[in-house]
Amino acid sequence: MTSFGRIFKVLTRSKFREANLLLLIQLIAIAVSLVWILITGTLSTTSLLQAVSSWAGVTYVVGFYLIARRSEQAYTQDTFRLIPVEETRLYLGNLLSSFVMFFYIVGVEVLLHLAGIGIGWNVLRKDVGSVFSAHPVDLGSNSPWDIAKVAMIIALLLLVVLILMWTTITFVHLVVSATSNFLPSASKRLVNFVLYIVVIFLVVRVAAFLIVLFSKVTSSFSIGGGLMNLWLPIAGMVLVIVIESAASVFLLKKWVETVPN
């Protein structure tokens, strides 16, 4: 059987190529933006940071899509499914490679932002200082460590949400693939339509829940209450991730067939 490290490398390779192509396109877009700013005569030391920030959101969304697409192809294409590997190992290796490649994109974006901040530091320092002078932040009795703990819990929540998005996409995709093997065309379209509606509804509900949760935590910054408010949804989403992952592995073993490349 193929080792976990080997299957991880194989699954990462194609995602790595697409991530690099995406980042190259972003660099070209940033260069074009800077040239346009230069032509319009508004070039400044903060122009690089502005250009990077303006394209970062698009890069994250497209990067997530490309990684998710490659991830789902690994479950149905002969290139990957004919590799002698146990389904659980394939599923976990694919999920880990998606996670690593998305944070590779995040890491490059952080470096680009740091470069922009470094070039425009003098201007940014004055702007940030004036904002804090006009609107001082009252942290109450919270220490820097307390604030760091809340920041880490929020980061963990965002990480769990990201993993949940991938496991949900995979689960829906495998259900659709499994049903397509034995349902007639009319029933297949109906099932797929219902599944997509349910997923869209759940995504909207989760997004609304997170927005309300973050607004509550930030509006009344209490370390104890804030942490208690965040741990419960994290635990709930982890449970959903485990259930979806187990169901996806079962579908891979019993129902999902490969398709020619």
Protein backbone atom coordinates (compact mmCIF):
# COMPACT_ATOMS: atom_id res chain seq x y z
CA MET A 1 0.00 0.00 0.00
CA THR A 2 1.11 3.55 -0.72
CA SER A 3 2.36 5.43 2.34
CA PHE A 4 0.59 8.52 3.67
CA GLY A 5 3.58 10.73 2.84
CA ARG A 6 3.68 9.47 -0.73
CA ILE A 7 -0.04 9.99 -1.37
CA PHE A 8 0.21 13.45 0.22
CA LYS A 9 2.98 14.44 -2.21
CA VAL A 10 1.04 13.12 -5.21
CA LEU A 11 -2.13 14.98 -4.20
CA THR A 12 -0.22 18.19 -3.46
CA ARG A 13 1.68 18.35 -6.74
CA SER A 14 -1.20 19.43 -9.01
CA LYS A 15 -2.57 21.83 -6.40
CA PHE A 16 0.88 23.38 -6.02
CA ARG A 17 1.10 24.07 -9.76
CA GLU A 18 -2.31 25.74 -9.84
CA ALA A 19 -1.55 27.80 -6.72
CA ASN A 20 1.69 29.08 -8.26
CA LEU A 21 -0.08 29.95 -11.51
CA LEU A 22 -2.73 31.86 -9.56
CA LEU A 23 -0.09 33.75 -7.56
CA LEU A 24 1.77 34.59 -10.77
CA ILE A 25 -1.42 36.03 -12.26
CA GLN A 26 -1.93 38.06 -9.09
CA LEU A 27 1.61 39.47 -9.31
CA ILE A 28 0.93 40.49 -12.92
CA ALA A 29 -2.34 42.14 -11.82
CA ILE A 30 -0.51 44.01 -9.05
CA ALA A 31 2.14 45.19 -11.52
CA VAL A 32 -0.56 46.40 -13.93
CA SER A 33 -2.30 48.22 -11.07
CA LEU A 34 0.93 49.96 -10.08
CA VAL A 35 1.58 51.00 -13.67
CA TRP A 36 -1.93 52.46 -13.86
CA ILE A 37 -1.42 54.32 -10.57
CA LEU A 38 1.87 55.67 -11.93
CA ILE A 39 0.17 56.84 -15.14
CA THR A 40 -2.57 58.61 -13.17
CA GLY A 41 0.07 60.37 -11.06
CA THR A 42 -1.11 59.06 -7.67
CA LEU A 43 1.82 56.72 -6.93
CA SER A 44 2.92 56.77 -3.28
CA THR A 45 4.77 54.60 -0.77
CA THR A 46 1.48 52.90 0.17
CA SER A 47 0.51 52.06 -3.43
CA LEU A 48 1.98 48.56 -3.26
CA LEU A 49 0.00 47.74 -0.10
CA GLN A 50 -3.18 49.08 -1.69
CA ALA A 51 -2.63 47.02 -4.85
CA VAL A 52 -1.88 43.84 -2.89
CA SER A 53 -4.92 44.31 -0.65
CA SER A 54 -7.23 44.98 -3.60
CA TRP A 55 -6.34 41.65 -5.24
CA ALA A 56 -5.94 39.50 -2.12
CA GLY A 57 -9.65 38.76 -1.72
CA VAL A 58 -9.98 37.58 -5.31
CA THR A 59 -6.91 35.38 -4.87
CA TYR A 60 -8.33 33.74 -1.75
CA VAL A 61 -11.69 32.98 -3.38
CA VAL A 62 -10.20 31.66 -6.64
CA GLY A 63 -7.53 29.74 -4.74
CA PHE A 64 -10.14 28.05 -2.57
CA TYR A 65 -12.13 27.10 -5.67
CA LEU A 66 -9.11 25.69 -7.53
CA ILE A 67 -7.96 23.67 -4.53
CA ALA A 68 -11.49 22.35 -3.90
CA ARG A 69 -11.84 21.36 -7.57
CA ARG A 70 -8.54 19.48 -7.56
CA SER A 71 -9.46 17.86 -4.27
CA GLU A 72 -12.76 16.54 -5.62
CA GLN A 73 -11.12 15.24 -8.80
CA ALA A 74 -8.88 13.03 -6.68
CA TYR A 75 -11.91 11.05 -5.49
CA THR A 76 -13.25 10.14 -8.92
CA GLN A 77 -10.39 10.19 -11.46
CA ASP A 78 -8.49 7.03 -12.35
CA THR A 79 -5.16 8.82 -11.90
CA PHE A 80 -5.65 8.92 -8.13
CA ARG A 81 -8.23 6.22 -7.34
CA LEU A 82 -6.16 3.48 -9.00
CA ILE A 83 -3.27 4.21 -6.65
CA PRO A 84 -3.08 1.34 -4.14
CA VAL A 85 -4.08 3.28 -1.04
CA GLU A 86 -6.71 2.76 1.65
CA GLU A 87 -9.68 5.15 1.34
CA THR A 88 -9.22 6.70 4.78
CA ARG A 89 -5.59 7.49 3.97
CA LEU A 90 -6.62 8.96 0.62
CA TYR A 91 -9.29 11.13 2.25
CA LEU A 92 -7.02 12.43 5.04
CA GLY A 93 -4.09 13.00 2.66
CA ASN A 94 -6.32 14.92 0.28
CA LEU A 95 -7.76 17.04 3.08
CA LEU A 96 -4.30 17.79 4.51
CA SER A 97 -2.88 18.71 1.10
CA SER A 98 -5.77 21.11 0.52
CA PHE A 99 -5.17 22.68 3.92
CA VAL A 100 -1.43 23.06 3.31
CA MET A 101 -1.84 24.53 -0.17
CA PHE A 102 -4.43 27.07 0.94
CA PHE A 103 -2.16 28.25 3.71
CA TYR A 104 0.69 28.37 1.23
CA ILE A 105 -1.39 30.96 -0.63
CA VAL A 106 -2.12 32.73 2.68
CA GLY A 107 1.60 32.77 3.51
CA VAL A 108 2.49 34.37 0.18
CA GLU A 109 -0.25 36.97 0.70
CA VAL A 110 1.14 37.76 4.16
CA LEU A 111 4.63 38.26 2.69
CA LEU A 112 3.25 40.58 -0.01
CA HIS A 113 1.36 42.60 2.62
CA LEU A 114 4.46 42.81 4.81
CA ALA A 115 6.43 44.09 1.83
CA GLY A 116 3.78 46.76 1.23
CA ILE A 117 3.72 47.70 4.91
CA GLY A 118 7.52 47.92 5.00
CA ILE A 119 7.63 50.29 2.01
CA GLY A 120 4.86 52.53 3.33
CA TRP A 121 5.68 52.19 7.04
CA ASN A 122 6.35 55.88 7.74
CA VAL A 123 3.01 56.97 6.29
CA LEU A 124 1.10 54.06 7.83
CA ARG A 125 2.56 54.68 11.28
CA LYS A 126 1.35 58.28 11.25
CA ASP A 127 -2.11 57.28 10.00
CA VAL A 128 -2.54 54.53 12.61
CA GLY A 129 -1.26 56.83 15.36
CA SER A 130 -3.75 59.52 14.45
CA VAL A 131 -6.62 57.01 14.42
CA PHE A 132 -5.78 55.70 17.89
CA SER A 133 -5.35 59.26 19.18
CA ALA A 134 -8.80 60.24 17.95
CA HIS A 135 -10.46 56.95 18.99
CA PRO A 136 -8.61 55.36 21.94
CA VAL A 137 -9.30 51.69 22.56
CA ASP A 138 -10.52 50.74 26.03
CA LEU A 139 -9.47 47.18 26.85
CA GLY A 140 -10.81 47.34 30.41
CA SER A 141 -9.19 44.85 32.76
CA ASN A 142 -8.05 42.51 29.96
CA SER A 143 -4.31 41.84 29.81
CA PRO A 144 -2.39 41.39 26.53
CA TRP A 145 -2.35 37.63 27.22
CA ASP A 146 -6.13 37.62 27.58
CA ILE A 147 -6.49 39.39 24.25
CA ALA A 148 -4.03 36.94 22.65
CA LYS A 149 -6.08 33.99 23.92
CA VAL A 150 -9.26 35.35 22.35
CA ALA A 151 -7.37 36.01 19.10
CA MET A 152 -6.13 32.40 19.07
CA ILE A 153 -9.62 31.04 19.72
CA ILE A 154 -11.04 33.15 16.89
CA ALA A 155 -8.24 31.90 14.60
CA LEU A 156 -9.10 28.33 15.60
CA LEU A 157 -12.76 28.98 14.81
CA LEU A 158 -11.89 30.28 11.34
CA LEU A 159 -9.67 27.25 10.77
CA VAL A 160 -12.47 24.86 11.75
CA VAL A 161 -14.88 26.72 9.45
CA LEU A 162 -12.42 26.31 6.57
CA ILE A 163 -12.07 22.57 7.19
CA LEU A 164 -15.85 22.25 7.52
CA MET A 165 -16.31 23.91 4.14
CA TRP A 166 -13.98 21.36 2.52
CA THR A 167 -15.53 18.34 4.23
CA THR A 168 -19.04 19.55 3.30
CA ILE A 169 -18.09 20.09 -0.35
CA THR A 170 -16.52 16.63 -0.45
CA PHE A 171 -19.50 14.97 1.23
CA VAL A 172 -22.02 16.56 -1.17
CA HIS A 173 -19.84 15.71 -4.17
CA LEU A 174 -19.52 12.06 -3.13
CA VAL A 175 -23.27 11.79 -2.44
CA VAL A 176 -23.96 13.16 -5.92
CA SER A 177 -21.42 10.76 -7.44
CA ALA A 178 -22.92 7.81 -5.57
CA THR A 179 -26.52 8.60 -6.52
CA SER A 180 -25.58 9.05 -10.18
CA ASN A 181 -24.63 5.36 -10.33
CA PHE A 182 -28.15 3.98 -9.84
CA LEU A 183 -30.71 6.80 -10.22
CA PRO A 184 -32.38 7.58 -13.55
CA SER A 185 -31.55 10.93 -15.10
CA ALA A 186 -34.71 12.72 -13.93
CA SER A 187 -34.34 11.55 -10.32
CA LYS A 188 -30.63 12.30 -10.40
CA ARG A 189 -31.23 15.94 -11.35
CA LEU A 190 -33.86 16.31 -8.64
CA VAL A 191 -31.58 14.85 -5.94
CA ASN A 192 -28.68 17.04 -7.02
CA PHE A 193 -30.90 20.13 -6.99
CA VAL A 194 -32.16 19.36 -3.47
CA LEU A 195 -28.63 18.72 -2.21
CA TYR A 196 -27.30 21.98 -3.60
CA ILE A 197 -30.21 23.93 -2.10
CA VAL A 198 -29.59 22.33 1.30
CA VAL A 199 -25.88 23.12 1.15
CA ILE A 200 -26.49 26.74 0.15
CA PHE A 201 -28.99 27.10 3.00
CA LEU A 202 -26.53 25.65 5.52
CA VAL A 203 -23.71 27.89 4.31
CA VAL A 204 -25.90 30.98 4.63
CA ARG A 205 -27.03 29.92 8.11
CA VAL A 206 -23.47 29.28 9.27
CA ALA A 207 -22.29 32.62 7.87
CA ALA A 208 -25.15 34.47 9.60
CA PHE A 209 -24.43 32.65 12.85
CA LEU A 210 -20.74 33.59 12.72
CA ILE A 211 -21.50 37.23 11.97
CA VAL A 212 -23.86 37.44 14.96
CA LEU A 213 -21.37 35.61 17.17
CA PHE A 214 -18.44 37.86 16.26
CA SER A 215 -20.55 40.98 16.75
CA LYS A 216 -21.50 39.83 20.26
CA VAL A 217 -17.91 39.02 21.19
CA THR A 218 -16.47 42.27 19.86
CA SER A 219 -19.27 44.51 21.17
CA SER A 220 -18.84 43.33 24.76
CA PHE A 221 -15.24 42.23 25.05
CA SER A 222 -15.33 39.86 28.01
CA ILE A 223 -12.66 37.17 28.01
CA GLY A 224 -14.65 34.62 29.99
CA GLY A 225 -17.91 35.16 28.13
CA GLY A 226 -16.16 35.48 24.79
CA LEU A 227 -14.34 32.19 25.15
CA MET A 228 -17.46 30.34 26.30
CA ASN A 229 -19.40 31.75 23.33
CA LEU A 230 -16.76 30.48 20.89
CA TRP A 231 -15.97 27.04 22.28
CA LEU A 232 -19.49 25.69 21.78
CA PRO A 233 -19.73 26.38 18.02
CA ILE A 234 -16.17 25.07 17.55
CA ALA A 235 -17.11 21.78 19.25
CA GLY A 236 -20.30 21.53 17.20
CA MET A 237 -18.49 22.08 13.90
CA VAL A 238 -15.75 19.58 14.82
CA LEU A 239 -18.47 16.99 15.43
CA VAL A 240 -19.99 17.72 12.01
CA ILE A 241 -16.52 17.42 10.41
CA VAL A 242 -16.01 13.99 11.98
CA ILE A 243 -19.45 12.77 10.87
CA GLU A 244 -19.04 14.09 7.32
CA SER A 245 -15.55 12.61 7.05
CA ALA A 246 -16.71 9.18 8.23
CA ALA A 247 -19.64 9.27 5.80
CA SER A 248 -17.36 10.37 2.93
CA VAL A 249 -14.90 7.54 3.58
CA PHE A 250 -17.81 5.07 3.64
CA LEU A 251 -19.07 6.40 0.29
CA LEU A 252 -15.57 6.11 -1.18
CA LYS A 253 -15.35 2.48 -0.10
CA LYS A 254 -18.83 1.33 -1.12
CA TRP A 255 -20.48 3.60 -3.68
CA VAL A 256 -18.22 6.03 -5.57
CA GLU A 257 -16.81 4.74 -8.85
CA THR A 258 -13.98 6.21 -10.87
CA VAL A 259 -14.37 7.94 -14.20
CA PRO A 260 -11.80 8.02 -17.05
CA ASN A 261 -9.54 11.09 -17.12
